[in-house]
Protein backbone atom coordinates (compact mmCIF):
# COMPACT_ATOMS: atom_id res chain seq x y z
CA MET A 1 -70.89 88.84 -106.41
CA LYS A 2 -67.28 88.46 -105.30
CA ARG A 3 -67.16 92.10 -104.18
CA LYS A 4 -70.38 91.74 -102.18
CA LEU A 5 -69.10 88.57 -100.50
CA SER A 6 -65.79 90.26 -99.74
CA GLU A 7 -67.62 93.22 -98.17
CA ALA A 8 -69.83 90.91 -96.11
CA PHE A 9 -66.88 88.90 -94.82
CA ASP A 10 -64.89 92.06 -94.08
CA GLN A 11 -67.81 93.41 -92.07
CA TRP A 12 -68.14 90.10 -90.22
CA TYR A 13 -64.40 89.99 -89.47
CA GLY A 14 -64.59 93.56 -88.19
CA GLN A 15 -67.53 92.85 -85.89
CA ILE A 16 -66.04 89.66 -84.49
CA GLY A 17 -62.65 91.39 -84.24
CA ASP A 18 -64.29 94.15 -82.17
CA ILE A 19 -65.75 91.55 -79.82
CA LEU A 20 -62.39 89.79 -79.50
CA GLN A 21 -60.67 93.13 -78.88
CA SER A 22 -63.13 93.86 -76.06
CA PHE A 23 -62.27 90.44 -74.60
CA GLN A 24 -58.59 91.39 -74.80
CA GLU A 25 -59.26 94.69 -73.02
CA ARG A 26 -61.02 92.80 -70.23
CA GLY A 27 -58.11 90.37 -69.93
CA MET A 28 -60.14 87.43 -71.19
CA LEU A 29 -58.00 86.82 -74.31
CA ARG A 30 -54.30 87.09 -74.90
CA ASN A 31 -53.37 90.52 -76.16
CA ASP A 32 -50.48 89.61 -78.45
CA ALA A 33 -52.68 88.50 -81.37
CA ASN A 34 -54.49 90.68 -83.88
CA PRO A 35 -58.27 90.50 -83.25
CA LYS A 36 -59.13 90.61 -86.97
CA SER A 37 -56.64 87.81 -87.68
CA MET A 38 -58.23 85.74 -84.91
CA ALA A 39 -61.66 86.44 -86.40
CA MET A 40 -60.44 85.26 -89.81
CA PHE A 41 -58.95 82.14 -88.23
CA ILE A 42 -62.19 81.31 -86.43
CA GLN A 43 -64.23 81.89 -89.61
CA SER A 44 -61.86 79.65 -91.57
CA LEU A 45 -62.24 76.96 -88.93
CA LEU A 46 -66.03 77.26 -89.11
CA ASN A 47 -65.92 77.07 -92.92
CA GLY A 48 -63.87 73.89 -92.70
CA LEU A 49 -66.27 72.41 -90.17
CA HIS A 50 -69.18 73.26 -92.42
CA MET A 51 -67.50 71.48 -95.33
CA ALA A 52 -66.75 68.48 -93.15
CA TRP A 53 -70.38 68.42 -91.99
CA LEU A 54 -71.59 68.42 -95.59
CA ILE A 55 -69.35 65.42 -96.30
CA ASP A 56 -69.85 63.49 -93.03
CA PRO A 57 -72.55 64.97 -90.77
CA ALA A 58 -72.30 62.21 -88.18
CA GLY A 59 -68.57 62.79 -87.69
CA VAL A 60 -69.03 66.50 -87.07
CA GLU A 61 -72.11 66.20 -84.93
CA SER A 62 -70.38 64.02 -82.39
CA GLY A 63 -70.02 66.15 -79.28
CA HIS A 64 -66.32 65.33 -79.01
CA LEU A 65 -65.17 67.34 -82.03
CA LEU A 66 -66.58 70.69 -80.96
CA LYS A 67 -65.53 70.12 -77.36
CA ASP A 68 -61.96 69.36 -78.41
CA ILE A 69 -61.78 72.34 -80.78
CA SER A 70 -63.11 74.66 -78.08
CA ARG A 71 -60.57 73.39 -75.58
CA VAL A 72 -57.64 73.86 -77.97
CA LEU A 73 -58.73 77.37 -78.98
CA TRP A 74 -59.46 78.52 -75.44
CA ARG A 75 -56.21 77.12 -74.09
CA ASP A 76 -54.18 79.12 -76.60
CA LEU A 77 -56.26 82.30 -76.51
CA ASN A 78 -56.83 82.48 -72.76
CA GLN A 79 -54.77 85.32 -71.31
CA GLU A 80 -54.73 84.00 -67.73
CA ARG A 81 -53.43 80.60 -68.78
CA ARG A 82 -50.71 82.23 -70.91
CA ALA A 83 -49.61 84.34 -67.94
CA GLN A 84 -49.25 81.22 -65.79
CA GLU A 85 -47.01 79.42 -68.31
């Protein structure tokens, strides 16, 4: 079971990493971060949000949390913004 889960997550990280790499190539994301590492980070964030939702659905479902997370992630990953700083 652990091997199958590991394979599934590795495949998911690879697919999301490929998408993030294509965003880097188009100048949409900063290019100094590893796409697979970013995919793992995003998945870890989603896993944590899922756990938080299981514990306190109302707290996670408030529109503010996802909006704030999106803003923080995009601000750091956005290539154009990084170039301006």
